[in-house]
Amino acid sequence: MQTFLVTLETPDGPHSIECRDGEFVWNAAARAGIQLPAICHQGRCLTCACQILEGELDQSASASYFPEDLEAGYALICTGRPRSNLVLRTHQQWAMRAYRKTRRLPAPYS
């Protein structure tokens, strides 16, 4: 089974985890004992938002992910699957919500 190296830049410092092909990044982090924010686990609420610093994710399982999100470098890791090794900055929910508001896109809990 293919795995990807995912580096999570968190407020507590960086953490590197392995994420299985087809596995959601948030689930891989939880399996590794890393607590990250999430509420809906549907790719809708933006609580799990990260900024993509390197790599590519598959967001096809997300209920509410837009091309503008990708263009701005945001990911929803509760429903994001790696397509490559990744470096992600976690805890970006408020930044993503603010960005979406400027684009008149849904921004729950704003």
N, C-alpha and C. Protein backbone atom coordinates (compact mmCIF):
# COMPACT_ATOMS: atom_id res chain seq x y z
N MET A 1 0.85 -1.18 0.00
CA MET A 1 0.00 0.00 0.00
C MET A 1 0.89 1.24 0.00
N GLN A 2 0.59 2.18 -0.86
CA GLN A 2 1.36 3.42 -0.95
C GLN A 2 1.04 4.32 0.24
N THR A 3 2.08 4.98 0.75
CA THR A 3 1.89 5.96 1.81
C THR A 3 2.57 7.26 1.40
N PHE A 4 2.11 8.34 2.00
CA PHE A 4 2.67 9.66 1.74
C PHE A 4 3.16 10.26 3.05
N LEU A 5 4.25 10.99 2.98
CA LEU A 5 4.75 11.71 4.15
C LEU A 5 4.04 13.05 4.21
N VAL A 6 3.40 13.32 5.33
CA VAL A 6 2.68 14.57 5.53
C VAL A 6 3.30 15.29 6.73
N THR A 7 3.79 16.48 6.49
CA THR A 7 4.32 17.31 7.56
C THR A 7 3.27 18.35 7.90
N LEU A 8 2.88 18.36 9.16
CA LEU A 8 1.87 19.29 9.66
C LEU A 8 2.58 20.35 10.49
N GLU A 9 2.52 21.58 10.03
CA GLU A 9 3.08 22.70 10.79
C GLU A 9 1.97 23.23 11.69
N THR A 10 2.02 22.84 12.96
CA THR A 10 0.98 23.18 13.92
C THR A 10 1.48 24.29 14.85
N PRO A 11 0.59 24.90 15.62
CA PRO A 11 1.03 25.89 16.61
C PRO A 11 1.99 25.29 17.65
N ASP A 12 1.94 23.97 17.84
CA ASP A 12 2.83 23.29 18.79
C ASP A 12 4.13 22.83 18.16
N GLY A 13 4.33 23.15 16.88
CA GLY A 13 5.53 22.72 16.17
C GLY A 13 5.19 21.71 15.09
N PRO A 14 6.17 21.34 14.30
CA PRO A 14 5.92 20.43 13.18
C PRO A 14 5.78 18.97 13.64
N HIS A 15 4.94 18.24 12.93
CA HIS A 15 4.74 16.81 13.14
C HIS A 15 4.75 16.15 11.76
N SER A 16 5.45 15.05 11.64
CA SER A 16 5.45 14.29 10.39
C SER A 16 4.72 12.98 10.62
N ILE A 17 3.81 12.66 9.71
CA ILE A 17 3.02 11.44 9.81
C ILE A 17 3.01 10.74 8.46
N GLU A 18 2.64 9.48 8.48
CA GLU A 18 2.39 8.75 7.24
C GLU A 18 0.89 8.70 7.02
N CYS A 19 0.50 8.94 5.78
CA CYS A 19 -0.91 8.90 5.41
C CYS A 19 -1.05 7.88 4.29
N ARG A 20 -1.91 6.92 4.49
CA ARG A 20 -2.13 5.88 3.49
C ARG A 20 -2.83 6.45 2.25
N ASP A 21 -2.55 5.84 1.13
CA ASP A 21 -3.24 6.22 -0.10
C ASP A 21 -4.74 6.07 0.11
N GLY A 22 -5.50 7.11 -0.15
CA GLY A 22 -6.96 7.07 0.02
C GLY A 22 -7.43 7.44 1.41
N GLU A 23 -6.52 7.66 2.35
CA GLU A 23 -6.89 8.02 3.72
C GLU A 23 -6.98 9.53 3.85
N PHE A 24 -7.95 10.01 4.62
CA PHE A 24 -8.05 11.43 4.89
C PHE A 24 -6.90 11.85 5.81
N VAL A 25 -6.32 12.99 5.54
CA VAL A 25 -5.18 13.48 6.32
C VAL A 25 -5.56 13.62 7.79
N TRP A 26 -6.74 14.15 8.07
CA TRP A 26 -7.17 14.33 9.46
C TRP A 26 -7.18 12.99 10.19
N ASN A 27 -7.67 11.94 9.54
CA ASN A 27 -7.73 10.61 10.16
C ASN A 27 -6.33 10.07 10.43
N ALA A 28 -5.41 10.28 9.50
CA ALA A 28 -4.03 9.82 9.69
C ALA A 28 -3.39 10.54 10.88
N ALA A 29 -3.67 11.84 11.01
CA ALA A 29 -3.14 12.60 12.15
C ALA A 29 -3.72 12.06 13.46
N ALA A 30 -5.01 11.80 13.49
CA ALA A 30 -5.64 11.26 14.70
C ALA A 30 -5.04 9.89 15.04
N ARG A 31 -4.82 9.07 14.04
CA ARG A 31 -4.22 7.76 14.25
C ARG A 31 -2.82 7.89 14.86
N ALA A 32 -2.12 8.96 14.51
CA ALA A 32 -0.78 9.22 15.04
C ALA A 32 -0.81 9.95 16.38
N GLY A 33 -2.00 10.23 16.92
CA GLY A 33 -2.12 10.88 18.21
C GLY A 33 -2.05 12.40 18.17
N ILE A 34 -2.22 12.98 16.98
CA ILE A 34 -2.17 14.44 16.84
C ILE A 34 -3.60 14.97 16.82
N GLN A 35 -3.92 15.86 17.73
CA GLN A 35 -5.26 16.43 17.80
C GLN A 35 -5.32 17.68 16.95
N LEU A 36 -6.22 17.66 15.98
CA LEU A 36 -6.44 18.80 15.09
C LEU A 36 -7.91 19.18 15.13
N PRO A 37 -8.23 20.45 14.88
CA PRO A 37 -9.63 20.87 14.92
C PRO A 37 -10.44 20.27 13.77
N ALA A 38 -11.68 19.94 14.07
CA ALA A 38 -12.66 19.48 13.07
C ALA A 38 -14.02 19.41 13.76
N ILE A 39 -15.06 19.67 12.99
CA ILE A 39 -16.42 19.55 13.52
C ILE A 39 -17.23 18.60 12.65
N CYS A 40 -17.37 18.93 11.37
CA CYS A 40 -18.36 18.23 10.55
C CYS A 40 -17.83 16.95 9.88
N HIS A 41 -16.56 16.88 9.61
CA HIS A 41 -15.96 15.75 8.86
C HIS A 41 -16.66 15.51 7.53
N GLN A 42 -17.14 16.58 6.94
CA GLN A 42 -17.79 16.51 5.63
C GLN A 42 -17.16 17.48 4.63
N GLY A 43 -16.18 18.25 5.07
CA GLY A 43 -15.59 19.25 4.18
C GLY A 43 -16.52 20.41 3.93
N ARG A 44 -17.19 20.86 4.97
CA ARG A 44 -18.18 21.93 4.84
C ARG A 44 -17.92 23.09 5.81
N CYS A 45 -17.56 22.79 7.07
CA CYS A 45 -17.56 23.83 8.11
C CYS A 45 -16.28 24.67 8.15
N LEU A 46 -15.20 24.23 7.52
CA LEU A 46 -13.90 24.91 7.44
C LEU A 46 -13.08 24.83 8.72
N THR A 47 -13.54 24.13 9.74
CA THR A 47 -12.81 24.06 11.00
C THR A 47 -11.46 23.37 10.85
N CYS A 48 -11.32 22.45 9.93
CA CYS A 48 -10.08 21.70 9.74
C CYS A 48 -9.15 22.37 8.72
N ALA A 49 -9.45 23.56 8.28
CA ALA A 49 -8.72 24.21 7.18
C ALA A 49 -7.22 24.30 7.44
N CYS A 50 -6.47 24.03 6.37
CA CYS A 50 -5.02 24.13 6.37
C CYS A 50 -4.60 24.93 5.14
N GLN A 51 -3.39 25.40 5.16
CA GLN A 51 -2.81 26.02 3.98
C GLN A 51 -1.80 25.03 3.41
N ILE A 52 -1.90 24.82 2.10
CA ILE A 52 -0.99 23.90 1.41
C ILE A 52 0.31 24.63 1.12
N LEU A 53 1.40 24.17 1.72
CA LEU A 53 2.71 24.77 1.48
C LEU A 53 3.46 24.00 0.40
N GLU A 54 3.24 22.68 0.37
CA GLU A 54 3.82 21.82 -0.67
C GLU A 54 2.91 20.63 -0.89
N GLY A 55 2.80 20.20 -2.14
CA GLY A 55 2.07 18.98 -2.46
C GLY A 55 0.68 19.24 -2.98
N GLU A 56 -0.05 18.14 -3.14
CA GLU A 56 -1.37 18.18 -3.75
C GLU A 56 -2.31 17.23 -3.02
N LEU A 57 -3.55 17.69 -2.82
CA LEU A 57 -4.59 16.89 -2.18
C LEU A 57 -5.76 16.66 -3.12
N ASP A 58 -6.44 15.55 -2.91
CA ASP A 58 -7.70 15.26 -3.58
C ASP A 58 -8.81 15.71 -2.64
N GLN A 59 -9.59 16.69 -3.06
CA GLN A 59 -10.69 17.22 -2.24
C GLN A 59 -12.04 16.77 -2.76
N SER A 60 -12.09 15.71 -3.56
CA SER A 60 -13.35 15.29 -4.18
C SER A 60 -14.39 14.81 -3.16
N ALA A 61 -13.98 14.44 -1.96
CA ALA A 61 -14.93 14.01 -0.94
C ALA A 61 -15.51 15.17 -0.14
N SER A 62 -15.05 16.37 -0.39
CA SER A 62 -15.51 17.55 0.35
C SER A 62 -16.87 18.01 -0.13
N ALA A 63 -17.76 18.30 0.80
CA ALA A 63 -19.10 18.75 0.46
C ALA A 63 -19.11 20.18 -0.07
N SER A 64 -18.13 20.99 0.35
CA SER A 64 -18.13 22.40 -0.03
C SER A 64 -16.69 22.88 -0.20
N TYR A 65 -16.11 22.59 -1.35
CA TYR A 65 -14.75 23.02 -1.68
C TYR A 65 -14.81 23.60 -3.08
N PHE A 66 -14.21 24.77 -3.25
CA PHE A 66 -14.34 25.51 -4.50
C PHE A 66 -12.98 25.69 -5.19
N PRO A 67 -12.99 25.88 -6.50
CA PRO A 67 -11.73 26.13 -7.21
C PRO A 67 -10.95 27.30 -6.61
N GLU A 68 -11.67 28.31 -6.11
CA GLU A 68 -11.02 29.46 -5.49
C GLU A 68 -10.23 29.06 -4.24
N ASP A 69 -10.73 28.05 -3.51
CA ASP A 69 -10.02 27.56 -2.33
C ASP A 69 -8.66 27.00 -2.73
N LEU A 70 -8.65 26.20 -3.77
CA LEU A 70 -7.40 25.62 -4.26
C LEU A 70 -6.46 26.71 -4.77
N GLU A 71 -7.00 27.66 -5.51
CA GLU A 71 -6.17 28.76 -6.03
C GLU A 71 -5.51 29.54 -4.90
N ALA A 72 -6.20 29.67 -3.77
CA ALA A 72 -5.66 30.40 -2.63
C ALA A 72 -4.78 29.51 -1.75
N GLY A 73 -4.72 28.22 -2.06
CA GLY A 73 -3.85 27.31 -1.33
C GLY A 73 -4.44 26.72 -0.06
N TYR A 74 -5.76 26.67 0.03
CA TYR A 74 -6.41 26.11 1.21
C TYR A 74 -6.85 24.67 0.97
N ALA A 75 -6.88 23.90 2.05
CA ALA A 75 -7.33 22.51 2.00
C ALA A 75 -8.20 22.22 3.21
N LEU A 76 -9.10 21.28 3.05
CA LEU A 76 -9.94 20.79 4.14
C LEU A 76 -9.49 19.35 4.41
N ILE A 77 -8.70 19.17 5.47
CA ILE A 77 -8.06 17.87 5.66
C ILE A 77 -8.96 16.80 6.25
N CYS A 78 -10.15 17.16 6.71
CA CYS A 78 -11.06 16.12 7.19
C CYS A 78 -11.56 15.27 6.02
N THR A 79 -11.50 15.84 4.81
CA THR A 79 -11.93 15.12 3.61
C THR A 79 -10.88 15.23 2.50
N GLY A 80 -9.67 15.58 2.86
CA GLY A 80 -8.59 15.70 1.89
C GLY A 80 -7.69 14.49 1.92
N ARG A 81 -7.44 13.91 0.74
CA ARG A 81 -6.56 12.75 0.62
C ARG A 81 -5.30 13.17 -0.14
N PRO A 82 -4.14 12.75 0.33
CA PRO A 82 -2.91 13.16 -0.35
C PRO A 82 -2.77 12.52 -1.73
N ARG A 83 -2.25 13.30 -2.66
CA ARG A 83 -1.86 12.80 -3.98
C ARG A 83 -0.33 12.79 -4.10
N SER A 84 0.33 13.36 -3.08
CA SER A 84 1.78 13.44 -3.04
C SER A 84 2.18 13.65 -1.59
N ASN A 85 3.47 13.70 -1.32
CA ASN A 85 3.92 14.13 -0.01
C ASN A 85 3.44 15.57 0.19
N LEU A 86 3.20 15.93 1.45
CA LEU A 86 2.59 17.24 1.73
C LEU A 86 3.30 17.97 2.86
N VAL A 87 3.23 19.28 2.79
CA VAL A 87 3.54 20.14 3.92
C VAL A 87 2.33 21.06 4.07
N LEU A 88 1.71 21.02 5.24
CA LEU A 88 0.47 21.77 5.50
C LEU A 88 0.61 22.61 6.76
N ARG A 89 0.13 23.83 6.72
CA ARG A 89 0.03 24.68 7.91
C ARG A 89 -1.39 24.52 8.46
N THR A 90 -1.50 24.00 9.66
CA THR A 90 -2.80 23.72 10.25
C THR A 90 -3.40 24.98 10.90
N HIS A 91 -4.59 24.83 11.42
CA HIS A 91 -5.30 25.87 12.18
C HIS A 91 -5.51 27.14 11.35
N GLN A 92 -5.99 26.97 10.14
CA GLN A 92 -6.21 28.11 9.24
C GLN A 92 -7.68 28.41 9.01
N GLN A 93 -8.55 27.93 9.91
CA GLN A 93 -9.99 28.10 9.71
C GLN A 93 -10.40 29.56 9.59
N TRP A 94 -9.86 30.44 10.42
CA TRP A 94 -10.29 31.84 10.37
C TRP A 94 -9.75 32.55 9.14
N ALA A 95 -8.56 32.21 8.73
CA ALA A 95 -8.00 32.78 7.51
C ALA A 95 -8.81 32.34 6.29
N MET A 96 -9.19 31.06 6.26
CA MET A 96 -9.97 30.57 5.12
C MET A 96 -11.36 31.19 5.11
N ARG A 97 -11.95 31.34 6.28
CA ARG A 97 -13.28 31.99 6.35
C ARG A 97 -13.20 33.43 5.86
N ALA A 98 -12.17 34.15 6.29
CA ALA A 98 -12.01 35.55 5.86
C ALA A 98 -11.80 35.62 4.35
N TYR A 99 -11.00 34.71 3.81
CA TYR A 99 -10.78 34.66 2.36
C TYR A 99 -12.09 34.40 1.63
N ARG A 100 -12.82 33.41 2.10
CA ARG A 100 -14.09 33.08 1.42
C ARG A 100 -15.06 34.25 1.45
N LYS A 101 -15.10 34.98 2.54
CA LYS A 101 -16.01 36.13 2.61
C LYS A 101 -15.66 37.16 1.55
N THR A 102 -14.37 37.33 1.26
CA THR A 102 -13.99 38.29 0.21
C THR A 102 -14.43 37.82 -1.17
N ARG A 103 -14.65 36.54 -1.32
CA ARG A 103 -15.07 35.95 -2.60
C ARG A 103 -16.57 35.65 -2.63
N ARG A 104 -17.26 36.01 -1.54
CA ARG A 104 -18.70 35.75 -1.41
C ARG A 104 -19.03 34.26 -1.54
N LEU A 105 -18.18 33.45 -0.94
CA LEU A 105 -18.38 32.00 -0.87
C LEU A 105 -18.86 31.64 0.53
N PRO A 106 -19.50 30.48 0.69
CA PRO A 106 -19.97 30.09 2.02
C PRO A 106 -18.81 30.05 3.03
N ALA A 107 -19.03 30.64 4.19
CA ALA A 107 -18.02 30.68 5.24
C ALA A 107 -18.72 30.44 6.58
N PRO A 108 -19.11 29.19 6.87
CA PRO A 108 -19.84 28.90 8.11
C PRO A 108 -19.09 29.36 9.35
N TYR A 109 -19.85 29.77 10.34
CA TYR A 109 -19.35 30.20 11.65
C TYR A 109 -18.56 31.50 11.60
N SER A 110 -18.66 32.26 10.49
CA SER A 110 -17.94 33.53 10.38
C SER A 110 -18.63 34.63 11.16
